[in-house]
Protein backbone atom coordinates (compact mmCIF):
# COMPACT_ATOMS: atom_id res chain seq x y z
CA MET A 1 118.09 115.94 98.95
CA PHE A 2 119.60 115.06 102.30
CA LEU A 3 120.68 118.28 104.00
CA ARG A 4 121.15 117.53 107.68
CA PRO A 5 121.73 114.26 109.53
CA PRO A 6 118.59 113.30 111.48
CA THR A 7 118.75 112.63 115.18
CA ILE A 8 119.06 108.88 115.44
CA ARG A 9 117.60 107.43 118.59
CA ARG A 10 118.17 103.73 119.00
CA ARG A 11 115.43 101.67 120.56
CA PRO A 12 116.39 98.59 122.58
CA ARG A 13 117.42 95.76 120.28
CA ILE A 14 114.26 93.91 119.29
CA PHE A 15 114.07 90.86 117.07
CA TYR A 16 111.30 91.01 114.50
CA PRO A 17 110.33 87.74 112.78
CA PHE A 18 111.40 88.77 109.29
CA SER A 19 114.38 91.00 110.03
CA HIS A 20 116.75 88.01 109.96
CA SER A 21 115.16 86.01 107.16
CA ILE A 22 115.28 88.88 104.65
CA SER A 23 118.50 90.45 105.87
CA SER A 24 120.55 88.89 103.08
CA HIS A 25 118.19 89.89 100.26
CA ARG A 26 117.31 93.38 99.19
CA SER A 27 115.47 92.31 96.03
CA ILE A 28 113.24 89.41 96.89
CA TYR A 29 111.22 88.20 93.91
CA LEU A 30 110.53 88.91 90.27
CA ARG A 31 106.95 89.48 89.27
CA PRO A 32 104.90 90.39 86.19
CA GLN A 33 104.20 94.04 85.50
CA PRO A 34 101.83 95.51 88.12
CA HIS A 35 98.57 96.80 86.71
CA ASN A 36 99.07 100.28 88.18
CA MET A 37 102.59 100.80 86.78
CA PRO A 38 103.53 102.28 83.40
CA ASP A 39 104.80 99.92 80.72
CA SER A 40 108.57 99.42 80.93
CA LYS A 41 110.77 97.08 78.96
CA VAL A 42 114.32 96.78 77.67
CA VAL A 43 114.45 97.86 74.01
CA SER A 44 118.15 97.31 73.28
CA VAL A 45 121.36 95.97 74.83
CA GLU A 46 124.95 96.73 73.83
CA ASN A 47 128.42 96.30 75.27
CA LEU A 48 129.75 99.09 77.48
CA SER A 49 133.41 99.88 78.02
CA THR A 50 134.63 100.53 81.55
CA ALA A 51 135.74 104.00 80.51
CA ASP A 52 132.16 104.91 79.61
CA ALA A 53 130.53 103.32 82.68
CA LYS A 54 129.28 105.64 85.43
CA TRP A 55 127.84 103.25 88.01
CA VAL A 56 129.79 99.99 87.52
CA GLN A 57 133.45 99.21 86.88
CA LEU A 58 135.14 95.96 85.87
CA LYS A 59 138.23 94.83 87.75
CA LYS A 60 140.75 91.99 87.46
CA CYS A 61 142.58 90.83 90.55
CA THR A 62 145.35 88.33 91.19
CA TYR A 63 145.06 86.10 94.24
CA LYS A 64 146.83 83.08 95.67
CA ASP A 65 144.92 79.85 96.23
CA PRO A 66 145.62 77.48 99.19
CA THR A 67 148.49 75.85 97.24
CA GLY A 68 150.21 79.19 96.66
CA LYS A 69 149.36 79.31 92.97
CA GLU A 70 148.43 82.72 91.58
CA ARG A 71 145.07 82.94 89.82
CA LEU A 72 143.04 85.67 88.12
CA TRP A 73 139.49 86.77 88.93
CA GLU A 74 137.22 89.25 87.17
CA TYR A 75 134.58 91.13 89.10
CA ALA A 76 132.45 94.27 89.10
CA GLU A 77 132.47 97.02 91.69
CA ARG A 78 130.62 100.25 92.41
CA PRO A 79 132.75 103.39 91.94
CA THR A 80 130.27 105.23 94.17
CA ARG A 81 131.32 103.49 97.42
CA SER A 82 131.81 106.01 100.21
CA SER A 83 134.89 106.23 102.40
CA GLY A 84 132.98 104.28 105.03
CA GLY A 85 133.39 101.16 102.89
CA ILE A 86 129.68 100.35 102.53
CA ASP A 87 127.80 100.66 99.24
CA ALA A 88 124.16 100.70 100.20
CA VAL A 89 121.41 99.98 102.68
CA ALA A 90 118.05 98.26 102.52
CA ILE A 91 115.37 99.35 104.96
CA LEU A 92 112.97 97.18 106.94
CA ALA A 93 110.47 99.70 108.29
CA ILE A 94 108.36 98.55 111.22
CA LEU A 95 105.04 100.38 110.92
CA ARG A 96 103.22 100.16 114.25
CA SER A 97 100.22 101.71 115.95
CA GLU A 98 100.79 103.09 119.44
CA SER A 99 97.09 102.50 120.13
CA GLY A 100 96.85 99.06 118.54
CA ALA A 101 94.71 100.35 115.68
CA PHE A 102 96.45 98.09 113.14
CA PRO A 103 98.79 95.09 113.27
CA PRO A 104 102.58 95.56 112.91
CA SER A 105 103.32 96.08 109.23
CA THR A 106 106.08 97.05 106.84
CA VAL A 107 106.42 98.70 103.44
CA ILE A 108 107.76 97.02 100.31
CA ILE A 109 108.30 98.51 96.88
CA GLU A 110 107.98 97.37 93.29
CA GLN A 111 110.01 98.85 90.45
CA PHE A 112 111.31 97.91 87.04
CA ARG A 113 114.90 96.62 86.96
CA PRO A 114 116.42 96.72 83.45
CA PRO A 115 119.17 94.08 84.07
CA VAL A 116 116.47 91.41 84.53
CA ASN A 117 113.81 93.12 82.37
CA ARG A 118 111.23 92.57 85.12
CA TYR A 119 109.46 94.34 87.94
CA VAL A 120 111.05 93.35 91.23
CA VAL A 121 109.59 93.24 94.74
CA GLU A 122 112.15 94.88 97.01
CA LEU A 123 112.75 96.55 100.31
CA PRO A 124 113.27 100.30 100.07
CA ALA A 125 116.98 100.91 99.58
CA GLY A 126 119.63 103.29 98.34
CA LEU A 127 123.30 104.11 97.99
CA ILE A 128 125.15 105.68 100.91
CA SER A 129 126.32 109.22 100.21
CA GLU A 130 129.74 110.41 101.31
CA GLY A 131 129.62 111.48 104.96
CA GLU A 132 126.45 109.53 105.75
CA SER A 133 126.15 106.60 108.10
CA PRO A 134 124.05 103.58 107.03
CA GLU A 135 121.39 104.63 109.53
CA GLU A 136 121.19 108.18 108.16
CA THR A 137 120.91 106.84 104.63
CA ALA A 138 118.15 104.45 105.68
CA ILE A 139 116.04 107.24 107.19
CA ARG A 140 116.56 109.46 104.15
CA GLU A 141 115.88 106.79 101.53
CA LEU A 142 112.79 105.49 103.32
CA GLU A 143 111.20 108.92 103.23
CA GLU A 144 112.18 109.52 99.60
CA GLU A 145 110.93 106.18 98.26
CA THR A 146 107.87 105.68 100.47
CA GLY A 147 107.14 108.95 102.30
CA PHE A 148 107.37 107.28 105.70
CA LYS A 149 109.46 109.04 108.36
CA ALA A 150 111.32 106.82 110.80
CA THR A 151 111.79 108.11 114.33
CA SER A 152 114.53 105.74 115.47
CA VAL A 153 116.78 102.86 114.46
CA ILE A 154 115.98 99.47 115.94
CA GLN A 155 118.93 97.49 114.63
CA THR A 156 121.52 97.36 111.86
CA SER A 157 122.66 94.10 110.29
CA PRO A 158 126.28 93.03 109.82
CA LEU A 159 127.84 93.74 106.43
CA LEU A 160 126.17 91.62 103.75
CA VAL A 161 127.08 90.53 100.21
CA CYS A 162 124.68 89.01 97.70
CA ASP A 163 126.75 87.80 94.72
CA PRO A 164 130.42 87.61 95.83
CA GLY A 165 131.45 85.56 92.83
CA MET A 166 130.63 88.45 90.51
CA THR A 167 130.89 91.65 92.56
CA ASN A 168 132.29 93.08 95.78
CA ALA A 169 129.14 95.18 96.26
CA ASN A 170 127.94 95.13 99.85
CA MET A 171 125.16 96.51 102.01
CA LYS A 172 123.53 96.59 105.43
CA VAL A 173 119.88 96.12 106.35
CA VAL A 174 118.67 98.79 108.75
CA THR A 175 115.48 98.15 110.72
CA VAL A 176 113.71 101.37 111.69
CA ASP A 177 110.71 102.31 113.81
CA VAL A 178 107.79 104.17 112.20
CA PRO A 179 105.11 104.73 114.88
CA PHE A 180 101.59 106.05 114.36
CA PRO A 181 99.36 107.42 117.14
CA GLU A 182 96.27 105.89 115.57
CA LYS A 183 95.47 104.60 112.09
CA LEU A 184 97.98 103.87 109.36
CA GLU A 185 98.12 106.40 106.54
CA MET A 186 100.02 106.21 103.26
CA PRO A 187 102.16 109.34 102.84
CA GLU A 188 103.28 110.97 99.60
CA GLN A 189 106.52 109.73 98.07
CA LYS A 190 109.42 112.09 97.32
CA LEU A 191 110.77 110.40 94.20
CA ASP A 192 113.55 111.77 92.04
CA PRO A 193 112.93 112.37 88.31
CA GLY A 194 113.07 109.04 86.48
CA GLU A 195 112.02 106.99 89.52
CA PHE A 196 108.82 104.98 89.18
CA ILE A 197 108.23 103.11 92.42
CA THR A 198 105.07 101.61 93.84
CA ALA A 199 105.07 101.39 97.65
CA ARG A 200 102.76 98.88 99.34
CA ILE A 201 102.00 98.18 102.98
CA VAL A 202 102.07 94.56 104.10
CA GLU A 203 101.36 93.12 107.54
CA LEU A 204 104.48 91.50 108.96
CA SER A 205 102.58 88.27 109.58
CA LYS A 206 101.69 88.13 105.87
CA LEU A 207 105.06 89.18 104.45
CA SER A 208 106.28 85.67 103.71
CA ALA A 209 103.05 84.83 101.89
CA GLU A 210 103.33 88.08 99.91
CA PHE A 211 106.78 87.17 98.61
CA LYS A 212 105.69 83.61 97.91
CA GLY A 213 102.73 84.90 95.94
CA ALA A 214 104.99 87.11 93.83
CA PHE A 215 107.28 84.14 93.18
CA VAL A 216 104.39 81.89 92.15
CA SER A 217 102.87 84.58 89.90
CA GLN A 218 106.19 85.11 88.17
CA HIS A 219 106.64 81.44 87.38
CA MET A 220 103.03 80.91 86.28
CA ASN A 221 103.10 83.87 83.89
CA PRO A 222 104.00 82.66 80.38
CA HIS A 223 105.74 85.97 79.62
CA SER A 224 107.86 86.11 82.76
CA THR A 225 110.95 84.16 81.65
CA LEU A 226 114.22 86.00 82.12
CA ILE A 227 115.93 87.64 79.15
């Protein structure tokens, strides 16, 4: 639980090779079930009325096209959006050794996502609570999902949308600094009940290949077609 806003110290704006290329994607690739994860699968699907939905609502809006004609559009939105107008953040954590003991790295996560009935390779992420800034949420969620504690914020992306034809959900990508005096150690996660997340460390120089490997594995697996 987030009790007190952390002190956010901003480092000078630094461009990291992957901070731009992944800034528009929180969930990167589908992959088969990891060997070290419990078996998860969708066992049933049924229609859900808006009145019974807790995390998603359906809306219908009327808009005018360039000719002045009124048209209708259906979309989904998150009822959890804070007064700040931002739904969520994804976190790009820069894990670095102050002594050069290991190359610059980051942490990615894998978890089961029921809407696609697959395990998904993602950046750590979470919804923004009322009263939190995106940067505060990023520091909190990173520690909860991975155990890593960021000491400062490097940069925050502009507001991003991923599927604007279907939803008005939005997010920001927050890049944070996680320094180590010497060697890199994997801390203990602080997961909520019902969360099953595998955190993995990947060198920044190998991040693109890691995502490509997940993509190739998903498409080569005969049981990895989408539901």
